[in-house]
């Protein structure tokens, strides 16, 4: 029969909360698996160290004490400006894609147009 105790049984053994029958069964397991007993003893050492640790009161920093001065990020003027600029550029890009942009440069003149191409006729 292969018996392997679960974690709650090991912790109960560590704190001395097991009855005599379960304790004997667990000690038999430890005789067959000494590495598990070593791990449990290490946990016991950690428990002993933690029992000597003193609780210390932690005072919250003043930044988090007063919530009245905190403004949401989207209400910041710089964020609103950046989002407005990004929305404007996005609008122009979508409008340009839908209308079909045409960009020409000739004779020192830059022409940007949207929509159908119109042919201008020069008079002779």
PDB file of N, CA and C in Angstrom:
ATOM      1  N   UNK A   1       0.844  -1.170   0.000  1.00  0.00           N
ATOM      2  CA  UNK A   1       0.000   0.000   0.000  1.00  0.00           C
ATOM      3  C   UNK A   1       0.894   1.240   0.000  1.00  0.00           C
ATOM      4  N   UNK A   2       0.667   2.117  -0.967  1.00  0.00           N
ATOM      5  CA  UNK A   2       1.479   3.330  -1.042  1.00  0.00           C
ATOM      6  C   UNK A   2       0.702   4.478  -0.408  1.00  0.00           C
ATOM      7  N   UNK A   3       1.193   4.924   0.706  1.00  0.00           N
ATOM      8  CA  UNK A   3       0.554   6.021   1.441  1.00  0.00           C
ATOM      9  C   UNK A   3       1.401   7.262   1.241  1.00  0.00           C
ATOM     10  N   UNK A   4       0.752   8.337   0.826  1.00  0.00           N
ATOM     11  CA  UNK A   4       1.439   9.620   0.713  1.00  0.00           C
ATOM     12  C   UNK A   4       0.548  10.661   1.381  1.00  0.00           C
ATOM     13  N   UNK A   5       1.039  11.266   2.453  1.00  0.00           N
ATOM     14  CA  UNK A   5       0.218  12.250   3.165  1.00  0.00           C
ATOM     15  C   UNK A   5       0.081  13.540   2.348  1.00  0.00           C
ATOM     16  N   UNK A   6      -1.059  14.172   2.486  1.00  0.00           N
ATOM     17  CA  UNK A   6      -1.245  15.460   1.818  1.00  0.00           C
ATOM     18  C   UNK A   6      -0.656  16.581   2.678  1.00  0.00           C
ATOM     19  N   UNK A   7      -0.670  17.759   2.133  1.00  0.00           N
ATOM     20  CA  UNK A   7      -0.035  18.903   2.807  1.00  0.00           C
ATOM     21  C   UNK A   7      -0.708  19.234   4.132  1.00  0.00           C
ATOM     22  N   UNK A   8      -2.013  19.119   4.187  1.00  0.00           N
ATOM     23  CA  UNK A   8      -2.715  19.459   5.433  1.00  0.00           C
ATOM     24  C   UNK A   8      -2.348  18.482   6.552  1.00  0.00           C
ATOM     25  N   UNK A   9      -2.114  17.220   6.205  1.00  0.00           N
ATOM     26  CA  UNK A   9      -1.700  16.243   7.216  1.00  0.00           C
ATOM     27  C   UNK A   9      -0.297  16.557   7.718  1.00  0.00           C
ATOM     28  N   UNK A  10       0.591  16.936   6.798  1.00  0.00           N
ATOM     29  CA  UNK A  10       1.959  17.290   7.204  1.00  0.00           C
ATOM     30  C   UNK A  10       1.975  18.511   8.115  1.00  0.00           C
ATOM     31  N   UNK A  11       1.169  19.513   7.780  1.00  0.00           N
ATOM     32  CA  UNK A  11       1.112  20.717   8.617  1.00  0.00           C
ATOM     33  C   UNK A  11       0.501  20.391   9.974  1.00  0.00           C
ATOM     34  N   UNK A  12      -0.524  19.539   9.989  1.00  0.00           N
ATOM     35  CA  UNK A  12      -1.122  19.135  11.267  1.00  0.00           C
ATOM     36  C   UNK A  12      -0.098  18.391  12.121  1.00  0.00           C
ATOM     37  N   UNK A  13       0.748  17.560  11.501  1.00  0.00           N
ATOM     38  CA  UNK A  13       1.808  16.857  12.231  1.00  0.00           C
ATOM     39  C   UNK A  13       2.812  17.868  12.781  1.00  0.00           C
ATOM     40  N   UNK A  14       3.158  18.860  11.952  1.00  0.00           N
ATOM     41  CA  UNK A  14       4.118  19.886  12.357  1.00  0.00           C
ATOM     42  C   UNK A  14       3.629  20.648  13.582  1.00  0.00           C
ATOM     43  N   UNK A  15       2.342  20.907  13.668  1.00  0.00           N
ATOM     44  CA  UNK A  15       1.776  21.636  14.797  1.00  0.00           C
ATOM     45  C   UNK A  15       1.296  20.715  15.924  1.00  0.00           C
ATOM     46  N   UNK A  16       1.508  19.410  15.762  1.00  0.00           N
ATOM     47  CA  UNK A  16       1.134  18.464  16.809  1.00  0.00           C
ATOM     48  C   UNK A  16      -0.364  18.285  16.971  1.00  0.00           C
ATOM     49  N   UNK A  17      -1.099  18.333  15.890  1.00  0.00           N
ATOM     50  CA  UNK A  17      -2.554  18.253  15.942  1.00  0.00           C
ATOM     51  C   UNK A  17      -3.099  16.907  15.478  1.00  0.00           C
ATOM     52  N   UNK A  18      -2.231  15.941  15.172  1.00  0.00           N
ATOM     53  CA  UNK A  18      -2.694  14.627  14.708  1.00  0.00           C
ATOM     54  C   UNK A  18      -2.952  13.700  15.889  1.00  0.00           C
ATOM     55  N   UNK A  19      -3.887  12.762  15.701  1.00  0.00           N
ATOM     56  CA  UNK A  19      -4.108  11.770  16.754  1.00  0.00           C
ATOM     57  C   UNK A  19      -3.010  10.711  16.679  1.00  0.00           C
ATOM     58  N   UNK A  20      -2.993   9.808  17.634  1.00  0.00           N
ATOM     59  CA  UNK A  20      -1.905   8.839  17.772  1.00  0.00           C
ATOM     60  C   UNK A  20      -1.802   7.903  16.564  1.00  0.00           C
ATOM     61  N   UNK A  21      -2.934   7.467  16.055  1.00  0.00           N
ATOM     62  CA  UNK A  21      -2.951   6.533  14.925  1.00  0.00           C
ATOM     63  C   UNK A  21      -2.369   7.187  13.660  1.00  0.00           C
ATOM     64  N   UNK A  22      -2.800   8.402  13.376  1.00  0.00           N
ATOM     65  CA  UNK A  22      -2.297   9.115  12.202  1.00  0.00           C
ATOM     66  C   UNK A  22      -0.829   9.473  12.356  1.00  0.00           C
ATOM     67  N   UNK A  23      -0.404   9.782  13.582  1.00  0.00           N
ATOM     68  CA  UNK A  23       0.994  10.101  13.838  1.00  0.00           C
ATOM     69  C   UNK A  23       1.877   8.888  13.566  1.00  0.00           C
ATOM     70  N   UNK A  24       1.452   7.716  14.001  1.00  0.00           N
ATOM     71  CA  UNK A  24       2.236   6.498  13.765  1.00  0.00           C
ATOM     72  C   UNK A  24       2.299   6.188  12.268  1.00  0.00           C
ATOM     73  N   UNK A  25       1.194   6.364  11.594  1.00  0.00           N
ATOM     74  CA  UNK A  25       1.154   6.117  10.154  1.00  0.00           C
ATOM     75  C   UNK A  25       2.113   7.064   9.424  1.00  0.00           C
ATOM     76  N   UNK A  26       2.148   8.317   9.832  1.00  0.00           N
ATOM     77  CA  UNK A  26       3.018   9.309   9.219  1.00  0.00           C
ATOM     78  C   UNK A  26       4.484   9.039   9.548  1.00  0.00           C
ATOM     79  N   UNK A  27       4.773   8.627  10.762  1.00  0.00           N
ATOM     80  CA  UNK A  27       6.155   8.311  11.125  1.00  0.00           C
ATOM     81  C   UNK A  27       6.656   7.102  10.343  1.00  0.00           C
ATOM     82  N   UNK A  28       5.783   6.131  10.050  1.00  0.00           N
ATOM     83  CA  UNK A  28       6.154   5.006   9.189  1.00  0.00           C
ATOM     84  C   UNK A  28       6.483   5.496   7.779  1.00  0.00           C
ATOM     85  N   UNK A  29       5.725   6.448   7.297  1.00  0.00           N
ATOM     86  CA  UNK A  29       6.008   7.043   5.980  1.00  0.00           C
ATOM     87  C   UNK A  29       7.365   7.737   5.994  1.00  0.00           C
ATOM     88  N   UNK A  30       7.669   8.448   7.100  1.00  0.00           N
ATOM     89  CA  UNK A  30       8.950   9.146   7.206  1.00  0.00           C
ATOM     90  C   UNK A  30      10.127   8.172   7.257  1.00  0.00           C
ATOM     91  N   UNK A  31       9.945   6.985   7.808  1.00  0.00           N
ATOM     92  CA  UNK A  31      11.021   5.985   7.833  1.00  0.00           C
ATOM     93  C   UNK A  31      11.336   5.514   6.415  1.00  0.00           C
ATOM     94  N   UNK A  32      10.303   5.441   5.576  1.00  0.00           N
ATOM     95  CA  UNK A  32      10.530   5.026   4.194  1.00  0.00           C
ATOM     96  C   UNK A  32      11.013   6.189   3.314  1.00  0.00           C
ATOM     97  N   UNK A  33      10.672   7.412   3.684  1.00  0.00           N
ATOM     98  CA  UNK A  33      11.019   8.610   2.903  1.00  0.00           C
ATOM     99  C   UNK A  33      11.680   9.648   3.822  1.00  0.00           C
ATOM    100  N   UNK A  34      12.951   9.476   4.135  1.00  0.00           N
ATOM    101  CA  UNK A  34      13.613  10.423   5.050  1.00  0.00           C
ATOM    102  C   UNK A  34      13.749  11.835   4.472  1.00  0.00           C
ATOM    103  N   UNK A  35      13.732  11.963   3.144  1.00  0.00           N
ATOM    104  CA  UNK A  35      13.840  13.302   2.546  1.00  0.00           C
ATOM    105  C   UNK A  35      12.597  14.143   2.852  1.00  0.00           C
ATOM    106  N   UNK A  36      11.451  13.509   2.986  1.00  0.00           N
ATOM    107  CA  UNK A  36      10.227  14.230   3.353  1.00  0.00           C
ATOM    108  C   UNK A  36      10.296  14.723   4.801  1.00  0.00           C
ATOM    109  N   UNK A  37      10.898  13.913   5.658  1.00  0.00           N
ATOM    110  CA  UNK A  37      11.076  14.323   7.053  1.00  0.00           C
ATOM    111  C   UNK A  37      12.018  15.514   7.134  1.00  0.00           C
ATOM    112  N   UNK A  38      13.058  15.515   6.296  1.00  0.00           N
ATOM    113  CA  UNK A  38      13.994  16.642   6.263  1.00  0.00           C
ATOM    114  C   UNK A  38      13.269  17.922   5.832  1.00  0.00           C
ATOM    115  N   UNK A  39      12.420  17.826   4.804  1.00  0.00           N
ATOM    116  CA  UNK A  39      11.653  18.995   4.355  1.00  0.00           C
ATOM    117  C   UNK A  39      10.725  19.510   5.449  1.00  0.00           C
ATOM    118  N   UNK A  40      10.107  18.572   6.165  1.00  0.00           N
ATOM    119  CA  UNK A  40       9.194  18.965   7.232  1.00  0.00           C
ATOM    120  C   UNK A  40       9.943  19.635   8.380  1.00  0.00           C
ATOM    121  N   UNK A  41      11.127  19.154   8.692  1.00  0.00           N
ATOM    122  CA  UNK A  41      11.934  19.802   9.742  1.00  0.00           C
ATOM    123  C   UNK A  41      12.352  21.205   9.331  1.00  0.00           C
ATOM    124  N   UNK A  42      12.675  21.377   8.043  1.00  0.00           N
ATOM    125  CA  UNK A  42      13.013  22.728   7.563  1.00  0.00           C
ATOM    126  C   UNK A  42      11.817  23.660   7.696  1.00  0.00           C
ATOM    127  N   UNK A  43      10.619  23.160   7.402  1.00  0.00           N
ATOM    128  CA  UNK A  43       9.419  23.968   7.596  1.00  0.00           C
ATOM    129  C   UNK A  43       9.218  24.316   9.074  1.00  0.00           C
ATOM    130  N   UNK A  44       9.555  23.374   9.935  1.00  0.00           N
ATOM    131  CA  UNK A  44       9.460  23.625  11.372  1.00  0.00           C
ATOM    132  C   UNK A  44      10.412  24.725  11.811  1.00  0.00           C
ATOM    133  N   UNK A  45      11.623  24.742  11.210  1.00  0.00           N
ATOM    134  CA  UNK A  45      12.586  25.800  11.543  1.00  0.00           C
ATOM    135  C   UNK A  45      12.071  27.165  11.082  1.00  0.00           C
ATOM    136  N   UNK A  46      11.476  27.195   9.920  1.00  0.00           N
ATOM    137  CA  UNK A  46      10.917  28.457   9.429  1.00  0.00           C
ATOM    138  C   UNK A  46       9.782  28.917  10.342  1.00  0.00           C
ATOM    139  N   UNK A  47       8.944  27.976  10.768  1.00  0.00           N
ATOM    140  CA  UNK A  47       7.843  28.313  11.675  1.00  0.00           C
ATOM    141  C   UNK A  47       8.388  28.897  12.974  1.00  0.00           C
ATOM    142  N   UNK A  48       9.469  28.295  13.501  1.00  0.00           N
ATOM    143  CA  UNK A  48      10.065  28.817  14.736  1.00  0.00           C
ATOM    144  C   UNK A  48      10.621  30.220  14.536  1.00  0.00           C
ATOM    145  N   UNK A  49      11.274  30.457  13.405  1.00  0.00           N
ATOM    146  CA  UNK A  49      11.806  31.793  13.130  1.00  0.00           C
ATOM    147  C   UNK A  49      10.686  32.819  13.009  1.00  0.00           C
ATOM    148  N   UNK A  50       9.612  32.437  12.337  1.00  0.00           N
ATOM    149  CA  UNK A  50       8.502  33.364  12.157  1.00  0.00           C
ATOM    150  C   UNK A  50       7.772  33.642  13.469  1.00  0.00           C
ATOM    151  N   UNK A  51       7.807  32.703  14.395  1.00  0.00           N
ATOM    152  CA  UNK A  51       7.132  32.932  15.670  1.00  0.00           C
ATOM    153  C   UNK A  51       7.850  33.986  16.504  1.00  0.00           C
ATOM    154  N   UNK A  52       9.142  34.216  16.229  1.00  0.00           N
ATOM    155  CA  UNK A  52       9.908  35.221  16.968  1.00  0.00           C
ATOM    156  C   UNK A  52       9.827  36.606  16.321  1.00  0.00           C
ATOM    157  N   UNK A  53       9.299  36.680  15.127  1.00  0.00           N
ATOM    158  CA  UNK A  53       9.197  37.973  14.436  1.00  0.00           C
ATOM    159  C   UNK A  53       8.124  38.828  15.111  1.00  0.00           C
ATOM    160  N   UNK A  54       8.441  40.083  15.309  1.00  0.00           N
ATOM    161  CA  UNK A  54       7.510  41.010  15.935  1.00  0.00           C
ATOM    162  C   UNK A  54       6.702  41.731  14.864  1.00  0.00           C
ATOM    163  N   UNK A  55       5.420  41.923  15.133  1.00  0.00           N
ATOM    164  CA  UNK A  55       4.581  42.693  14.223  1.00  0.00           C
ATOM    165  C   UNK A  55       4.920  44.159  14.380  1.00  0.00           C
ATOM    166  N   UNK A  56       4.940  44.865  13.275  1.00  0.00           N
ATOM    167  CA  UNK A  56       5.269  46.276  13.305  1.00  0.00           C
ATOM    168  C   UNK A  56       4.161  47.037  12.588  1.00  0.00           C
ATOM    169  N   UNK A  57       3.711  48.121  13.212  1.00  0.00           N
ATOM    170  CA  UNK A  57       2.647  48.918  12.614  1.00  0.00           C
ATOM    171  C   UNK A  57       3.206  49.681  11.423  1.00  0.00           C
ATOM    172  N   UNK A  58       2.485  49.625  10.332  1.00  0.00           N
ATOM    173  CA  UNK A  58       2.890  50.323   9.119  1.00  0.00           C
ATOM    174  C   UNK A  58       1.949  51.505   8.928  1.00  0.00           C
ATOM    175  N   UNK A  59       2.535  52.676   8.789  1.00  0.00           N
ATOM    176  CA  UNK A  59       1.748  53.885   8.588  1.00  0.00           C
ATOM    177  C   UNK A  59       1.745  54.191   7.099  1.00  0.00           C
ATOM    178  N   UNK A  60       0.562  54.415   6.549  1.00  0.00           N
ATOM    179  CA  UNK A  60       0.440  54.694   5.120  1.00  0.00           C
ATOM    180  C   UNK A  60       1.097  56.028   4.799  1.00  0.00           C
ATOM    181  N   UNK A  61       1.767  56.105   3.668  1.00  0.00           N
ATOM    182  CA  UNK A  61       2.381  57.384   3.275  1.00  0.00           C
ATOM    183  C   UNK A  61       1.310  58.453   3.059  1.00  0.00           C
ATOM    184  N   UNK A  62       1.651  59.710   3.242  1.00  0.00           N
ATOM    185  CA  UNK A  62       0.661  60.781   3.141  1.00  0.00           C
ATOM    186  C   UNK A  62       0.035  60.904   1.759  1.00  0.00           C
ATOM    187  N   UNK A  63       0.679  60.380   0.730  1.00  0.00           N
ATOM    188  CA  UNK A  63       0.128  60.477  -0.619  1.00  0.00           C
ATOM    189  C   UNK A  63      -1.199  59.734  -0.711  1.00  0.00           C
ATOM    190  N   UNK A  64      -1.318  58.624   0.006  1.00  0.00           N
ATOM    191  CA  UNK A  64      -2.509  57.801  -0.090  1.00  0.00           C
ATOM    192  C   UNK A  64      -3.551  58.120   0.987  1.00  0.00           C
ATOM    193  N   UNK A  65      -3.221  58.984   1.901  1.00  0.00           N
ATOM    194  CA  UNK A  65      -4.146  59.283   2.986  1.00  0.00           C
ATOM    195  C   UNK A  65      -5.290  60.165   2.494  1.00  0.00           C
ATOM    196  N   UNK A  66      -4.979  61.186   1.704  1.00  0.00           N
ATOM    197  CA  UNK A  66      -5.983  62.146   1.258  1.00  0.00           C
ATOM    198  C   UNK A  66      -6.310  61.884  -0.206  1.00  0.00           C
ATOM    199  N   UNK A  67      -7.505  61.373  -0.486  1.00  0.00           N
ATOM    200  CA  UNK A  67      -7.906  61.053  -1.845  1.00  0.00           C
ATOM    201  C   UNK A  67      -8.550  62.232  -2.569  1.00  0.00           C
ATOM    202  N   UNK A  68      -8.699  63.368  -1.915  1.00  0.00           N
ATOM    203  CA  UNK A  68      -9.390  64.490  -2.539  1.00  0.00           C
ATOM    204  C   UNK A  68      -8.531  65.176  -3.595  1.00  0.00           C
ATOM    205  N   UNK A  69      -7.217  65.086  -3.528  1.00  0.00           N
ATOM    206  CA  UNK A  69      -6.333  65.762  -4.480  1.00  0.00           C
ATOM    207  C   UNK A  69      -6.005  64.907  -5.694  1.00  0.00           C
ATOM    208  N   UNK A  70      -6.505  63.698  -5.756  1.00  0.00           N
ATOM    209  CA  UNK A  70      -6.188  62.812  -6.870  1.00  0.00           C
ATOM    210  C   UNK A  70      -7.166  63.065  -8.002  1.00  0.00           C
ATOM    211  N   UNK A  71      -6.608  63.363  -9.202  1.00  0.00           N
ATOM    212  CA  UNK A  71      -7.436  63.569 -10.383  1.00  0.00           C
ATOM    213  C   UNK A  71      -7.277  62.382 -11.307  1.00  0.00           C
ATOM    214  N   UNK A  72      -8.352  61.942 -11.931  1.00  0.00           N
ATOM    215  CA  UNK A  72      -8.226  60.845 -12.897  1.00  0.00           C
ATOM    216  C   UNK A  72      -7.332  61.265 -14.063  1.00  0.00           C
ATOM    217  N   UNK A  73      -6.696  60.306 -14.669  1.00  0.00           N
ATOM    218  CA  UNK A  73      -5.741  60.569 -15.742  1.00  0.00           C
ATOM    219  C   UNK A  73      -6.406  61.256 -16.928  1.00  0.00           C
ATOM    220  N   UNK A  74      -7.635  60.869 -17.262  1.00  0.00           N
ATOM    221  CA  UNK A  74      -8.288  61.433 -18.436  1.00  0.00           C
ATOM    222  C   UNK A  74      -8.738  62.869 -18.237  1.00  0.00           C
ATOM    223  N   UNK A  75      -8.671  63.385 -17.000  1.00  0.00           N
ATOM    224  CA  UNK A  75      -9.023  64.777 -16.759  1.00  0.00           C
ATOM    225  C   UNK A  75      -7.794  65.687 -16.804  1.00  0.00           C
ATOM    226  N   UNK A  76      -6.636  65.134 -17.011  1.00  0.00           N
ATOM    227  CA  UNK A  76      -5.416  65.916 -17.121  1.00  0.00           C
ATOM    228  C   UNK A  76      -5.422  66.657 -18.459  1.00  0.00           C
ATOM    229  N   UNK A  77      -5.047  67.924 -18.456  1.00  0.00           N
ATOM    230  CA  UNK A  77      -5.113  68.724 -19.684  1.00  0.00           C
ATOM    231  C   UNK A  77      -4.138  68.212 -20.743  1.00  0.00           C
ATOM    232  N   UNK A  78      -2.974  67.740 -20.347  1.00  0.00           N
ATOM    233  CA  UNK A  78      -2.018  67.250 -21.337  1.00  0.00           C
ATOM    234  C   UNK A  78      -2.498  65.953 -21.990  1.00  0.00           C
ATOM    235  N   UNK A  79      -3.129  65.090 -21.232  1.00  0.00           N
ATOM    236  CA  UNK A  79      -3.663  63.852 -21.790  1.00  0.00           C
ATOM    237  C   UNK A  79      -4.832  64.167 -22.722  1.00  0.00           C
ATOM    238  N   UNK A  80      -5.699  65.078 -22.317  1.00  0.00           N
ATOM    239  CA  UNK A  80      -6.835  65.447 -23.166  1.00  0.00           C
ATOM    240  C   UNK A  80      -6.355  66.065 -24.473  1.00  0.00           C
ATOM    241  N   UNK A  81      -5.310  66.899 -24.422  1.00  0.00           N
ATOM    242  CA  UNK A  81      -4.756  67.502 -25.631  1.00  0.00           C
ATOM    243  C   UNK A  81      -4.198  66.420 -26.556  1.00  0.00           C
ATOM    244  N   UNK A  82      -3.421  65.476 -25.996  1.00  0.00           N
ATOM    245  CA  UNK A  82      -2.822  64.418 -26.809  1.00  0.00           C
ATOM    246  C   UNK A  82      -3.889  63.526 -27.436  1.00  0.00           C
ATOM    247  N   UNK A  83      -4.919  63.198 -26.688  1.00  0.00           N
ATOM    248  CA  UNK A  83      -6.002  62.359 -27.219  1.00  0.00           C
ATOM    249  C   UNK A  83      -6.779  63.114 -28.292  1.00  0.00           C
ATOM    250  N   UNK A  84      -6.982  64.399 -28.097  1.00  0.00           N
ATOM    251  CA  UNK A  84      -7.665  65.211 -29.111  1.00  0.00           C
ATOM    252  C   UNK A  84      -6.877  65.281 -30.406  1.00  0.00           C
ATOM    253  N   UNK A  85      -5.561  65.468 -30.302  1.00  0.00           N
ATOM    254  CA  UNK A  85      -4.713  65.497 -31.495  1.00  0.00           C
ATOM    255  C   UNK A  85      -4.728  64.147 -32.203  1.00  0.00           C
ATOM    256  N   UNK A  86      -4.634  63.060 -31.445  1.00  0.00           N
ATOM    257  CA  UNK A  86      -4.648  61.726 -32.043  1.00  0.00           C
ATOM    258  C   UNK A  86      -5.986  61.463 -32.735  1.00  0.00           C
ATOM    259  N   UNK A  87      -7.091  61.895 -32.153  1.00  0.00           N
ATOM    260  CA  UNK A  87      -8.405  61.711 -32.764  1.00  0.00           C
ATOM    261  C   UNK A  87      -8.515  62.524 -34.051  1.00  0.00           C
ATOM    262  N   UNK A  88      -7.981  63.734 -34.059  1.00  0.00           N
ATOM    263  CA  UNK A  88      -8.020  64.567 -35.264  1.00  0.00           C
ATOM    264  C   UNK A  88      -7.220  63.945 -36.394  1.00  0.00           C
ATOM    265  N   UNK A  89      -6.038  63.476 -36.091  1.00  0.00           N
ATOM    266  CA  UNK A  89      -5.197  62.838 -37.109  1.00  0.00           C
ATOM    267  C   UNK A  89      -5.859  61.568 -37.625  1.00  0.00           C
ATOM    268  N   UNK A  90      -6.438  60.793 -36.738  1.00  0.00           N
ATOM    269  CA  UNK A  90      -7.140  59.582 -37.151  1.00  0.00           C
ATOM    270  C   UNK A  90      -8.320  59.924 -38.063  1.00  0.00           C
ATOM    271  N   UNK A  91      -9.056  60.984 -37.733  1.00  0.00           N
ATOM    272  CA  UNK A  91     -10.170  61.416 -38.571  1.00  0.00           C
ATOM    273  C   UNK A  91      -9.688  61.791 -39.964  1.00  0.00           C
ATOM    274  N   UNK A  92      -8.598  62.543 -40.061  1.00  0.00           N
ATOM    275  CA  UNK A  92      -8.062  62.935 -41.360  1.00  0.00           C
ATOM    276  C   UNK A  92      -7.578  61.732 -42.160  1.00  0.00           C
ATOM    277  N   UNK A  93      -6.953  60.767 -41.495  1.00  0.00           N
ATOM    278  CA  UNK A  93      -6.479  59.575 -42.192  1.00  0.00           C
ATOM    279  C   UNK A  93      -7.644  58.744 -42.739  1.00  0.00           C
ATOM    280  N   UNK A  94      -8.688  58.580 -41.955  1.00  0.00           N
ATOM    281  CA  UNK A  94      -9.854  57.818 -42.406  1.00  0.00           C
ATOM    282  C   UNK A  94     -10.554  58.555 -43.543  1.00  0.00           C
ATOM    283  N   UNK A  95     -10.732  59.865 -43.406  1.00  0.00           N
ATOM    284  CA  UNK A  95     -11.374  60.642 -44.466  1.00  0.00           C
ATOM    285  C   UNK A  95     -10.544  60.578 -45.740  1.00  0.00           C
ATOM    286  N   UNK A  96      -9.240  60.667 -45.618  1.00  0.00           N
ATOM    287  CA  UNK A  96      -8.367  60.581 -46.788  1.00  0.00           C
ATOM    288  C   UNK A  96      -8.452  59.226 -47.458  1.00  0.00           C
ATOM    289  N   UNK A  97      -8.514  58.169 -46.681  1.00  0.00           N
ATOM    290  CA  UNK A  97      -8.611  56.822 -47.241  1.00  0.00           C
ATOM    291  C   UNK A  97      -9.931  56.636 -47.969  1.00  0.00           C
ATOM    292  N   UNK A  98     -11.004  57.135 -47.407  1.00  0.00           N
ATOM    293  CA  UNK A  98     -12.313  56.983 -48.030  1.00  0.00           C
ATOM    294  C   UNK A  98     -12.466  57.843 -49.284  1.00  0.00           C
ATOM    295  N   UNK A  99     -11.866  59.035 -49.308  1.00  0.00           N
ATOM    296  CA  UNK A  99     -12.027  59.953 -50.430  1.00  0.00           C
ATOM    297  C   UNK A  99     -10.960  59.779 -51.505  1.00  0.00           C
ATOM    298  N   UNK A 100      -9.925  59.034 -51.236  1.00  0.00           N
ATOM    299  CA  UNK A 100      -8.876  58.800 -52.221  1.00  0.00           C
ATOM    300  C   UNK A 100      -7.943  59.986 -52.368  1.00  0.00           C
ATOM    301  N   UNK A 101      -6.915  60.055 -51.594  1.00  0.00           N
ATOM    302  CA  UNK A 101      -6.024  61.224 -51.652  1.00  0.00           C
ATOM    303  C   UNK A 101      -5.132  61.201 -52.902  1.00  0.00           C
ATOM    304  N   UNK A 102      -4.772  62.379 -53.324  1.00  0.00           N
ATOM    305  CA  UNK A 102      -3.834  62.520 -54.431  1.00  0.00           C
ATOM    306  C   UNK A 102      -2.857  63.624 -54.054  1.00  0.00           C
ATOM    307  N   UNK A 103      -1.583  63.314 -54.128  1.00  0.00           N
ATOM    308  CA  UNK A 103      -0.545  64.277 -53.756  1.00  0.00           C
ATOM    309  C   UNK A 103       0.371  64.454 -54.958  1.00  0.00           C
ATOM    310  N   UNK A 104       0.521  65.697 -55.423  1.00  0.00           N
ATOM    311  CA  UNK A 104       1.377  66.011 -56.573  1.00  0.00           C
ATOM    312  C   UNK A 104       2.338  67.117 -56.201  1.00  0.00           C
ATOM    313  N   UNK A 105       3.535  67.019 -56.761  1.00  0.00           N
ATOM    314  CA  UNK A 105       4.524  68.085 -56.580  1.00  0.00           C
ATOM    315  C   UNK A 105       5.129  68.367 -57.941  1.00  0.00           C
ATOM    316  N   UNK A 106       4.946  69.567 -58.403  1.00  0.00           N
ATOM    317  CA  UNK A 106       5.551  69.953 -59.678  1.00  0.00           C
ATOM    318  C   UNK A 106       5.732  71.463 -59.703  1.00  0.00           C
ATOM    319  N   UNK A 107       6.795  71.875 -60.312  1.00  0.00           N
ATOM    320  CA  UNK A 107       7.117  73.307 -60.460  1.00  0.00           C
ATOM    321  C   UNK A 107       7.083  74.049 -59.133  1.00  0.00           C
ATOM    322  N   UNK A 108       7.617  73.413 -58.092  1.00  0.00           N
ATOM    323  CA  UNK A 108       7.687  74.055 -56.784  1.00  0.00           C
ATOM    324  C   UNK A 108       6.351  74.170 -56.083  1.00  0.00           C
ATOM    325  N   UNK A 109       5.357  73.432 -56.550  1.00  0.00           N
ATOM    326  CA  UNK A 109       4.027  73.510 -55.960  1.00  0.00           C
ATOM    327  C   UNK A 109       3.605  72.132 -55.451  1.00  0.00           C
ATOM    328  N   UNK A 110       3.139  72.074 -54.213  1.00  0.00           N
ATOM    329  CA  UNK A 110       2.635  70.837 -53.620  1.00  0.00           C
ATOM    330  C   UNK A 110       1.122  70.901 -53.604  1.00  0.00           C
ATOM    331  N   UNK A 111       0.478  69.911 -54.257  1.00  0.00           N
ATOM    332  CA  UNK A 111      -0.968  69.869 -54.323  1.00  0.00           C
ATOM    333  C   UNK A 111      -1.455  68.600 -53.634  1.00  0.00           C
ATOM    334  N   UNK A 112      -2.330  68.771 -52.645  1.00  0.00           N
ATOM    335  CA  UNK A 112      -2.957  67.647 -51.962  1.00  0.00           C
ATOM    336  C   UNK A 112      -4.446  67.756 -52.218  1.00  0.00           C
ATOM    337  N   UNK A 113      -5.032  66.715 -52.804  1.00  0.00           N
ATOM    338  CA  UNK A 113      -6.459  66.770 -53.098  1.00  0.00           C
ATOM    339  C   UNK A 113      -7.108  65.441 -52.738  1.00  0.00           C
ATOM    340  N   UNK A 114      -8.401  65.498 -52.555  1.00  0.00           N
ATOM    341  CA  UNK A 114      -9.192  64.318 -52.224  1.00  0.00           C
ATOM    342  C   UNK A 114     -10.311  64.197 -53.251  1.00  0.00           C
ATOM    343  N   UNK A 115     -10.719  62.984 -53.514  1.00  0.00           N
ATOM    344  CA  UNK A 115     -11.833  62.763 -54.421  1.00  0.00           C
ATOM    345  C   UNK A 115     -11.333  62.476 -55.826  1.00  0.00           C
ATOM    346  N   UNK A 116     -12.231  62.675 -56.813  1.00  0.00           N
ATOM    347  CA  UNK A 116     -11.897  62.366 -58.193  1.00  0.00           C
ATOM    348  C   UNK A 116     -10.886  63.364 -58.742  1.00  0.00           C
ATOM    349  N   UNK A 117     -10.092  62.859 -59.650  1.00  0.00           N
ATOM    350  CA  UNK A 117      -9.067  63.696 -60.267  1.00  0.00           C
ATOM    351  C   UNK A 117      -9.721  64.589 -61.319  1.00  0.00           C
ATOM    352  N   UNK A 118      -9.453  65.873 -61.242  1.00  0.00           N
ATOM    353  CA  UNK A 118      -9.976  66.806 -62.232  1.00  0.00           C
ATOM    354  C   UNK A 118      -8.825  67.240 -63.129  1.00  0.00           C
ATOM    355  N   UNK A 119      -9.088  67.305 -64.381  1.00  0.00           N
ATOM    356  CA  UNK A 119      -8.069  67.692 -65.352  1.00  0.00           C
ATOM    357  C   UNK A 119      -8.297  69.167 -65.668  1.00  0.00           C
ATOM    358  N   UNK A 120      -7.282  69.938 -65.426  1.00  0.00           N
ATOM    359  CA  UNK A 120      -7.395  71.360 -65.737  1.00  0.00           C
ATOM    360  C   UNK A 120      -6.851  71.585 -67.130  1.00  0.00           C
ATOM    361  N   UNK A 121      -7.575  72.332 -67.923  1.00  0.00           N
ATOM    362  CA  UNK A 121      -7.157  72.598 -69.307  1.00  0.00           C
ATOM    363  C   UNK A 121      -6.606  74.021 -69.388  1.00  0.00           C
ATOM    364  N   UNK A 122      -5.491  74.098 -69.987  1.00  0.00           N
ATOM    365  CA  UNK A 122      -4.873  75.433 -70.173  1.00  0.00           C
ATOM    366  C   UNK A 122      -5.339  76.033 -71.494  1.00  0.00           C
ATOM    367  N   UNK A 123      -5.594  77.292 -71.435  1.00  0.00           N
ATOM    368  CA  UNK A 123      -6.005  78.002 -72.666  1.00  0.00           C
ATOM    369  C   UNK A 123      -4.763  78.407 -73.426  1.00  0.00           C
ATOM    370  N   UNK A 124      -4.852  78.298 -74.728  1.00  0.00           N
ATOM    371  CA  UNK A 124      -3.710  78.681 -75.587  1.00  0.00           C
ATOM    372  C   UNK A 124      -3.864  80.038 -76.122  1.00  0.00           C
TER     373      UNK A 124
END
